[in-house]
Amino acid sequence: MTVKVLADLMSQPARALVIFCRASGISHEHVPIRITAGDTKTEEYTKLNPLQKVPVIQDGDFVLTESVAIVRYLAREKAIADHWYPKDSRAQAKVDEFLEWQHLGTRAMCASYFLSRWLIPMTKRQAPNEKSVAKALKDMEVCLGQVEQVWLQGGKKKYIAGDEISVADIMACCEMEQPSMAGYDVREGRSILADYMDRVKADLNPHYDDVHQAVYKLRDKFGGTIPGIYPKPE
């Protein structure tokens, strides 16, 4: 049965879910959702997710929200390679360890920087709050250091949960791509992180680049600038 995946590819967890479905070979249909167009506020969508967030899946008459819950459900229900989300209890626990941490780790920190440095100012058409940006930057850089030194053990580990790629790596890299639209490349000056992300990207391509097309477009078009607002025009 084909799973419907309702996802806005500007959303990090939504991108991760679509990449996971493609890379693991899960039969699915991506239903494009645009948060900025109000798609999540419609009556039809709200019936699927009263919280009006993305992503959402429909697997027959079963509806599920929250990206981590969705990934775990799909791994149980669909025929996929074991390395994505291992059945072995201890191996699975190592993936879960990161998935639980990332909510207040890469998810929170990379998103906070992106929001304060670019998205909120872009939406409000005003310069960023430098105090908020500075705090978000400091917190994010601490988090990125933790990814390198704790989760990747200073480069000793190829992937977050071990020797093979898993959903933890998809989630991590999708979050760490987000600051690029605000003009910040998490790879710069971090050789361990750069090698890791290049490895994950190579493993997941062509799906990784295809799903990130909108992110790359905004990154290349704006590079963190807010036209006419920031940096201040000469």
C-alpha atoms as a PDB file:
ATOM      1  CA  MET A   1       0.000   0.000   0.000  1.00  0.00           C
ATOM      2  CA  THR A   2       1.289   3.448  -0.932  1.00  0.00           C
ATOM      3  CA  VAL A   3       1.739   5.795   2.003  1.00  0.00           C
ATOM      4  CA  LYS A   4       0.728   9.426   1.529  1.00  0.00           C
ATOM      5  CA  VAL A   5       3.346  11.771   2.977  1.00  0.00           C
ATOM      6  CA  LEU A   6       2.060  15.305   3.475  1.00  0.00           C
ATOM      7  CA  ALA A   7       5.174  17.423   3.758  1.00  0.00           C
ATOM      8  CA  ASP A   8       6.534  20.919   3.205  1.00  0.00           C
ATOM      9  CA  LEU A   9      10.141  20.499   2.091  1.00  0.00           C
ATOM     10  CA  MET A  10      11.118  23.738   3.810  1.00  0.00           C
ATOM     11  CA  SER A  11      10.587  21.828   7.064  1.00  0.00           C
ATOM     12  CA  GLN A  12      13.587  19.877   8.325  1.00  0.00           C
ATOM     13  CA  PRO A  13      11.645  16.888   9.766  1.00  0.00           C
ATOM     14  CA  ALA A  14       9.468  16.781   6.656  1.00  0.00           C
ATOM     15  CA  ARG A  15      12.549  16.624   4.425  1.00  0.00           C
ATOM     16  CA  ALA A  16      14.023  13.890   6.590  1.00  0.00           C
ATOM     17  CA  LEU A  17      10.873  11.804   6.284  1.00  0.00           C
ATOM     18  CA  VAL A  18      10.677  12.128   2.499  1.00  0.00           C
ATOM     19  CA  ILE A  19      14.368  11.257   2.133  1.00  0.00           C
ATOM     20  CA  PHE A  20      13.888   8.251   4.408  1.00  0.00           C
ATOM     21  CA  CYS A  21      10.957   6.973   2.364  1.00  0.00           C
ATOM     22  CA  ARG A  22      12.852   7.384  -0.890  1.00  0.00           C
ATOM     23  CA  ALA A  23      16.164   5.952   0.297  1.00  0.00           C
ATOM     24  CA  SER A  24      14.604   2.964   2.060  1.00  0.00           C
ATOM     25  CA  GLY A  25      12.299   2.139  -0.847  1.00  0.00           C
ATOM     26  CA  ILE A  26       9.001   2.643   0.961  1.00  0.00           C
ATOM     27  CA  SER A  27       6.160   2.981  -1.542  1.00  0.00           C
ATOM     28  CA  HIS A  28       4.863   6.490  -0.975  1.00  0.00           C
ATOM     29  CA  GLU A  29       3.307   9.562  -2.536  1.00  0.00           C
ATOM     30  CA  HIS A  30       4.652  12.936  -1.503  1.00  0.00           C
ATOM     31  CA  VAL A  31       1.759  15.392  -1.190  1.00  0.00           C
ATOM     32  CA  PRO A  32       3.347  18.884  -1.289  1.00  0.00           C
ATOM     33  CA  ILE A  33       2.219  21.181   1.522  1.00  0.00           C
ATOM     34  CA  ARG A  34       3.088  24.871   1.743  1.00  0.00           C
ATOM     35  CA  ILE A  35       2.950  26.263   5.253  1.00  0.00           C
ATOM     36  CA  THR A  36       3.330  29.839   3.977  1.00  0.00           C
ATOM     37  CA  ALA A  37       0.310  29.376   1.705  1.00  0.00           C
ATOM     38  CA  GLY A  38      -1.837  28.364   4.662  1.00  0.00           C
ATOM     39  CA  ASP A  39      -2.136  24.718   3.625  1.00  0.00           C
ATOM     40  CA  THR A  40      -1.814  23.468   7.206  1.00  0.00           C
ATOM     41  CA  LYS A  41      -4.645  25.770   8.354  1.00  0.00           C
ATOM     42  CA  THR A  42      -7.331  24.332   6.114  1.00  0.00           C
ATOM     43  CA  GLU A  43     -10.226  22.380   7.577  1.00  0.00           C
ATOM     44  CA  GLU A  44      -9.182  19.255   5.685  1.00  0.00           C
ATOM     45  CA  TYR A  45      -5.604  19.352   6.944  1.00  0.00           C
ATOM     46  CA  THR A  46      -6.628  20.220  10.492  1.00  0.00           C
ATOM     47  CA  LYS A  47      -8.729  17.055  10.602  1.00  0.00           C
ATOM     48  CA  LEU A  48      -5.529  15.115   9.928  1.00  0.00           C
ATOM     49  CA  ASN A  49      -3.409  17.090  12.372  1.00  0.00           C
ATOM     50  CA  PRO A  50      -5.204  19.414  14.801  1.00  0.00           C
ATOM     51  CA  LEU A  51      -1.801  20.909  15.686  1.00  0.00           C
ATOM     52  CA  GLN A  52      -1.489  22.057  12.048  1.00  0.00           C
ATOM     53  CA  LYS A  53       2.116  20.903  11.731  1.00  0.00           C
ATOM     54  CA  VAL A  54       4.060  18.877   9.151  1.00  0.00           C
ATOM     55  CA  PRO A  55       4.660  16.102   8.324  1.00  0.00           C
ATOM     56  CA  VAL A  56       1.622  13.839   8.376  1.00  0.00           C
ATOM     57  CA  ILE A  57       1.194  10.403   6.845  1.00  0.00           C
ATOM     58  CA  GLN A  58      -1.875   8.496   5.726  1.00  0.00           C
ATOM     59  CA  ASP A  59      -1.352   4.747   5.517  1.00  0.00           C
ATOM     60  CA  GLY A  60      -4.730   3.533   4.351  1.00  0.00           C
ATOM     61  CA  ASP A  61      -7.155   4.724   7.007  1.00  0.00           C
ATOM     62  CA  PHE A  62      -4.362   5.232   9.559  1.00  0.00           C
ATOM     63  CA  VAL A  63      -3.151   8.797  10.156  1.00  0.00           C
ATOM     64  CA  LEU A  64      -0.013   9.651  12.093  1.00  0.00           C
ATOM     65  CA  THR A  65       1.818  12.869  12.957  1.00  0.00           C
ATOM     66  CA  GLU A  66       5.268  13.674  14.393  1.00  0.00           C
ATOM     67  CA  SER A  67       8.283  12.723  12.296  1.00  0.00           C
ATOM     68  CA  VAL A  68      10.051  10.468  14.809  1.00  0.00           C
ATOM     69  CA  ALA A  69       6.854   8.526  15.557  1.00  0.00           C
ATOM     70  CA  ILE A  70       6.255   8.206  11.814  1.00  0.00           C
ATOM     71  CA  VAL A  71       9.754   6.882  11.121  1.00  0.00           C
ATOM     72  CA  ARG A  72       9.436   4.295  13.891  1.00  0.00           C
ATOM     73  CA  TYR A  73       6.016   3.207  12.620  1.00  0.00           C
ATOM     74  CA  LEU A  74       7.198   2.855   9.018  1.00  0.00           C
ATOM     75  CA  ALA A  75      10.267   0.898  10.111  1.00  0.00           C
ATOM     76  CA  ARG A  76       8.012  -1.577  11.915  1.00  0.00           C
ATOM     77  CA  GLU A  77       5.360  -1.859   9.238  1.00  0.00           C
ATOM     78  CA  LYS A  78       7.282  -1.737   5.955  1.00  0.00           C
ATOM     79  CA  ALA A  79       9.932  -3.989   4.462  1.00  0.00           C
ATOM     80  CA  ILE A  80      13.132  -1.950   4.708  1.00  0.00           C
ATOM     81  CA  ALA A  81      16.810  -2.670   5.280  1.00  0.00           C
ATOM     82  CA  ASP A  82      17.492  -3.184   8.982  1.00  0.00           C
ATOM     83  CA  HIS A  83      20.231  -0.552   9.255  1.00  0.00           C
ATOM     84  CA  TRP A  84      17.764   2.315   8.925  1.00  0.00           C
ATOM     85  CA  TYR A  85      16.170   1.494  12.289  1.00  0.00           C
ATOM     86  CA  PRO A  86      17.527  -1.813  13.632  1.00  0.00           C
ATOM     87  CA  LYS A  87      15.295  -4.463  15.165  1.00  0.00           C
ATOM     88  CA  ASP A  88      18.014  -5.497  17.601  1.00  0.00           C
ATOM     89  CA  SER A  89      17.107  -3.846  20.908  1.00  0.00           C
ATOM     90  CA  ARG A  90      20.516  -2.373  21.691  1.00  0.00           C
ATOM     91  CA  ALA A  91      21.241  -1.194  18.158  1.00  0.00           C
ATOM     92  CA  GLN A  92      17.784   0.384  18.000  1.00  0.00           C
ATOM     93  CA  ALA A  93      18.360   2.041  21.370  1.00  0.00           C
ATOM     94  CA  LYS A  94      21.481   3.769  20.014  1.00  0.00           C
ATOM     95  CA  VAL A  95      19.409   5.276  17.196  1.00  0.00           C
ATOM     96  CA  ASP A  96      16.684   6.251  19.658  1.00  0.00           C
ATOM     97  CA  GLU A  97      19.293   7.830  21.916  1.00  0.00           C
ATOM     98  CA  PHE A  98      20.037  10.416  19.246  1.00  0.00           C
ATOM     99  CA  LEU A  99      16.407  10.823  18.151  1.00  0.00           C
ATOM    100  CA  GLU A 100      15.467  11.734  21.727  1.00  0.00           C
ATOM    101  CA  TRP A 101      18.438  14.095  22.159  1.00  0.00           C
ATOM    102  CA  GLN A 102      17.997  15.911  18.866  1.00  0.00           C
ATOM    103  CA  HIS A 103      14.720  17.585  19.896  1.00  0.00           C
ATOM    104  CA  LEU A 104      16.654  19.928  22.202  1.00  0.00           C
ATOM    105  CA  GLY A 105      19.910  19.458  20.286  1.00  0.00           C
ATOM    106  CA  THR A 106      20.304  19.873  16.526  1.00  0.00           C
ATOM    107  CA  ARG A 107      16.548  20.401  16.032  1.00  0.00           C
ATOM    108  CA  ALA A 108      16.240  23.220  18.527  1.00  0.00           C
ATOM    109  CA  MET A 109      19.613  24.893  18.079  1.00  0.00           C
ATOM    110  CA  CYS A 110      19.895  24.962  14.288  1.00  0.00           C
ATOM    111  CA  ALA A 111      16.277  26.047  13.941  1.00  0.00           C
ATOM    112  CA  SER A 112      16.644  28.813  16.543  1.00  0.00           C
ATOM    113  CA  TYR A 113      19.577  30.310  14.668  1.00  0.00           C
ATOM    114  CA  PHE A 114      17.776  30.087  11.329  1.00  0.00           C
ATOM    115  CA  LEU A 115      14.643  31.701  12.776  1.00  0.00           C
ATOM    116  CA  SER A 116      16.355  34.550  14.613  1.00  0.00           C
ATOM    117  CA  ARG A 117      18.980  35.306  11.969  1.00  0.00           C
ATOM    118  CA  TRP A 118      16.847  34.994   8.842  1.00  0.00           C
ATOM    119  CA  LEU A 119      13.253  33.750   8.794  1.00  0.00           C
ATOM    120  CA  ILE A 120      11.691  36.059  11.397  1.00  0.00           C
ATOM    121  CA  PRO A 121      13.509  39.174  10.097  1.00  0.00           C
ATOM    122  CA  MET A 122      12.654  38.184   6.510  1.00  0.00           C
ATOM    123  CA  THR A 123       8.986  37.779   7.419  1.00  0.00           C
ATOM    124  CA  LYS A 124       8.812  41.002   9.426  1.00  0.00           C
ATOM    125  CA  ARG A 125      11.009  42.915   6.966  1.00  0.00           C
ATOM    126  CA  GLN A 126      13.318  44.172   9.676  1.00  0.00           C
ATOM    127  CA  ALA A 127      16.928  43.697  10.721  1.00  0.00           C
ATOM    128  CA  PRO A 128      17.687  40.756  13.016  1.00  0.00           C
ATOM    129  CA  ASN A 129      17.809  41.266  16.766  1.00  0.00           C
ATOM    130  CA  GLU A 130      21.556  41.028  17.226  1.00  0.00           C
ATOM    131  CA  LYS A 131      21.329  39.945  20.873  1.00  0.00           C
ATOM    132  CA  SER A 132      18.999  37.064  19.971  1.00  0.00           C
ATOM    133  CA  VAL A 133      21.174  36.071  17.032  1.00  0.00           C
ATOM    134  CA  ALA A 134      24.324  36.076  19.148  1.00  0.00           C
ATOM    135  CA  LYS A 135      22.749  33.789  21.750  1.00  0.00           C
ATOM    136  CA  ALA A 136      21.341  31.451  19.110  1.00  0.00           C
ATOM    137  CA  LEU A 137      24.733  31.316  17.388  1.00  0.00           C
ATOM    138  CA  LYS A 138      26.563  30.500  20.612  1.00  0.00           C
ATOM    139  CA  ASP A 139      24.088  27.736  21.503  1.00  0.00           C
ATOM    140  CA  MET A 140      24.190  26.268  18.003  1.00  0.00           C
ATOM    141  CA  GLU A 141      27.975  26.181  17.907  1.00  0.00           C
ATOM    142  CA  VAL A 142      28.062  24.338  21.232  1.00  0.00           C
ATOM    143  CA  CYS A 143      25.594  21.837  19.774  1.00  0.00           C
ATOM    144  CA  LEU A 144      27.634  21.355  16.600  1.00  0.00           C
ATOM    145  CA  GLY A 145      30.681  20.672  18.740  1.00  0.00           C
ATOM    146  CA  GLN A 146      28.694  18.022  20.595  1.00  0.00           C
ATOM    147  CA  VAL A 147      27.788  16.338  17.323  1.00  0.00           C
ATOM    148  CA  GLU A 148      31.464  16.153  16.381  1.00  0.00           C
ATOM    149  CA  GLN A 149      32.939  15.209  19.719  1.00  0.00           C
ATOM    150  CA  VAL A 150      30.160  13.203  21.400  1.00  0.00           C
ATOM    151  CA  TRP A 151      27.984  11.644  18.707  1.00  0.00           C
ATOM    152  CA  LEU A 152      30.797  11.136  16.191  1.00  0.00           C
ATOM    153  CA  GLN A 153      33.443  10.615  18.879  1.00  0.00           C
ATOM    154  CA  GLY A 154      35.896  13.037  17.358  1.00  0.00           C
ATOM    155  CA  GLY A 155      35.706  11.341  13.969  1.00  0.00           C
ATOM    156  CA  LYS A 156      36.079   7.757  15.213  1.00  0.00           C
ATOM    157  CA  LYS A 157      32.499   6.928  14.200  1.00  0.00           C
ATOM    158  CA  LYS A 158      31.326   6.967  10.589  1.00  0.00           C
ATOM    159  CA  TYR A 159      27.688   7.481  11.568  1.00  0.00           C
ATOM    160  CA  ILE A 160      25.839   8.589  14.661  1.00  0.00           C
ATOM    161  CA  ALA A 161      24.612   5.139  15.704  1.00  0.00           C
ATOM    162  CA  GLY A 162      27.536   3.050  14.491  1.00  0.00           C
ATOM    163  CA  ASP A 163      29.079   1.755  11.285  1.00  0.00           C
ATOM    164  CA  GLU A 164      25.981   2.037   9.071  1.00  0.00           C
ATOM    165  CA  ILE A 165      23.717   4.909   8.136  1.00  0.00           C
ATOM    166  CA  SER A 166      20.414   5.155  10.011  1.00  0.00           C
ATOM    167  CA  VAL A 167      17.442   7.475  10.338  1.00  0.00           C
ATOM    168  CA  ALA A 168      19.443   9.336  13.007  1.00  0.00           C
ATOM    169  CA  ASP A 169      21.851  10.551  10.314  1.00  0.00           C
ATOM    170  CA  ILE A 170      19.032  11.689   8.038  1.00  0.00           C
ATOM    171  CA  MET A 171      17.434  13.664  10.858  1.00  0.00           C
ATOM    172  CA  ALA A 172      20.756  15.181  11.919  1.00  0.00           C
ATOM    173  CA  CYS A 173      21.850  16.342   8.483  1.00  0.00           C
ATOM    174  CA  CYS A 174      18.480  17.813   7.533  1.00  0.00           C
ATOM    175  CA  GLU A 175      18.602  19.944  10.677  1.00  0.00           C
ATOM    176  CA  MET A 176      22.187  21.020  10.059  1.00  0.00           C
ATOM    177  CA  GLU A 177      21.399  22.139   6.494  1.00  0.00           C
ATOM    178  CA  GLN A 178      18.859  24.692   7.753  1.00  0.00           C
ATOM    179  CA  PRO A 179      21.324  27.410   8.904  1.00  0.00           C
ATOM    180  CA  SER A 180      22.765  27.591   5.376  1.00  0.00           C
ATOM    181  CA  MET A 181      19.764  29.692   4.352  1.00  0.00           C
ATOM    182  CA  ALA A 182      20.788  32.165   7.035  1.00  0.00           C
ATOM    183  CA  GLY A 183      24.305  32.344   5.598  1.00  0.00           C
ATOM    184  CA  TYR A 184      25.930  29.898   8.024  1.00  0.00           C
ATOM    185  CA  ASP A 185      27.704  26.772   6.760  1.00  0.00           C
ATOM    186  CA  VAL A 186      28.028  24.301   9.644  1.00  0.00           C
ATOM    187  CA  ARG A 187      30.787  22.480   7.751  1.00  0.00           C
ATOM    188  CA  GLU A 188      33.144  25.446   7.651  1.00  0.00           C
ATOM    189  CA  GLY A 189      36.022  25.001  10.085  1.00  0.00           C
ATOM    190  CA  ARG A 190      34.681  21.611  11.197  1.00  0.00           C
ATOM    191  CA  SER A 191      36.428  18.891   9.228  1.00  0.00           C
ATOM    192  CA  ILE A 192      34.822  16.030  11.173  1.00  0.00           C
ATOM    193  CA  LEU A 193      31.339  17.386  10.573  1.00  0.00           C
ATOM    194  CA  ALA A 194      32.099  18.205   6.941  1.00  0.00           C
ATOM    195  CA  ASP A 195      33.377  14.684   6.216  1.00  0.00           C
ATOM    196  CA  TYR A 196      30.397  13.167   8.006  1.00  0.00           C
ATOM    197  CA  MET A 197      27.789  15.242   6.166  1.00  0.00           C
ATOM    198  CA  ASP A 198      29.479  14.606   2.820  1.00  0.00           C
ATOM    199  CA  ARG A 199      29.397  10.868   3.557  1.00  0.00           C
ATOM    200  CA  VAL A 200      25.697  10.916   4.500  1.00  0.00           C
ATOM    201  CA  LYS A 201      24.842  13.011   1.460  1.00  0.00           C
ATOM    202  CA  ALA A 202      26.692  10.616  -0.862  1.00  0.00           C
ATOM    203  CA  ASP A 203      24.893   7.653   0.693  1.00  0.00           C
ATOM    204  CA  LEU A 204      21.503   9.282   0.233  1.00  0.00           C
ATOM    205  CA  ASN A 205      21.875  10.876  -3.174  1.00  0.00           C
ATOM    206  CA  PRO A 206      20.161  11.562  -5.512  1.00  0.00           C
ATOM    207  CA  HIS A 207      17.385  11.864  -2.928  1.00  0.00           C
ATOM    208  CA  TYR A 208      19.297  14.176  -0.571  1.00  0.00           C
ATOM    209  CA  ASP A 209      20.021  16.848  -3.163  1.00  0.00           C
ATOM    210  CA  ASP A 210      16.610  16.544  -4.789  1.00  0.00           C
ATOM    211  CA  VAL A 211      14.717  17.043  -1.529  1.00  0.00           C
ATOM    212  CA  HIS A 212      16.995  19.950  -0.558  1.00  0.00           C
ATOM    213  CA  GLN A 213      16.532  21.853  -3.819  1.00  0.00           C
ATOM    214  CA  ALA A 214      14.445  24.631  -2.213  1.00  0.00           C
ATOM    215  CA  VAL A 215      16.980  25.003   0.598  1.00  0.00           C
ATOM    216  CA  TYR A 216      19.874  25.259  -1.853  1.00  0.00           C
ATOM    217  CA  LYS A 217      17.963  27.792  -3.942  1.00  0.00           C
ATOM    218  CA  LEU A 218      17.356  30.121  -0.994  1.00  0.00           C
ATOM    219  CA  ARG A 219      20.908  29.624   0.264  1.00  0.00           C
ATOM    220  CA  ASP A 220      22.374  30.581  -3.112  1.00  0.00           C
ATOM    221  CA  LYS A 221      19.937  33.413  -3.753  1.00  0.00           C
ATOM    222  CA  PHE A 222      20.178  35.191  -0.410  1.00  0.00           C
ATOM    223  CA  GLY A 223      23.239  33.862   1.407  1.00  0.00           C
ATOM    224  CA  GLY A 224      21.750  35.124   4.652  1.00  0.00           C
ATOM    225  CA  THR A 225      20.993  38.625   3.383  1.00  0.00           C
ATOM    226  CA  ILE A 226      17.584  40.249   3.708  1.00  0.00           C
ATOM    227  CA  PRO A 227      17.179  42.387   0.575  1.00  0.00           C
ATOM    228  CA  GLY A 228      16.993  46.084   1.406  1.00  0.00           C
ATOM    229  CA  ILE A 229      17.017  45.366   5.137  1.00  0.00           C
ATOM    230  CA  TYR A 230      20.138  43.485   6.241  1.00  0.00           C
ATOM    231  CA  PRO A 231      22.995  44.134   5.962  1.00  0.00           C
ATOM    232  CA  LYS A 232      22.048  47.780   5.654  1.00  0.00           C
ATOM    233  CA  PRO A 233      22.350  49.074   2.078  1.00  0.00           C
ATOM    234  CA  GLU A 234      25.349  51.305   1.457  1.00  0.00           C
END
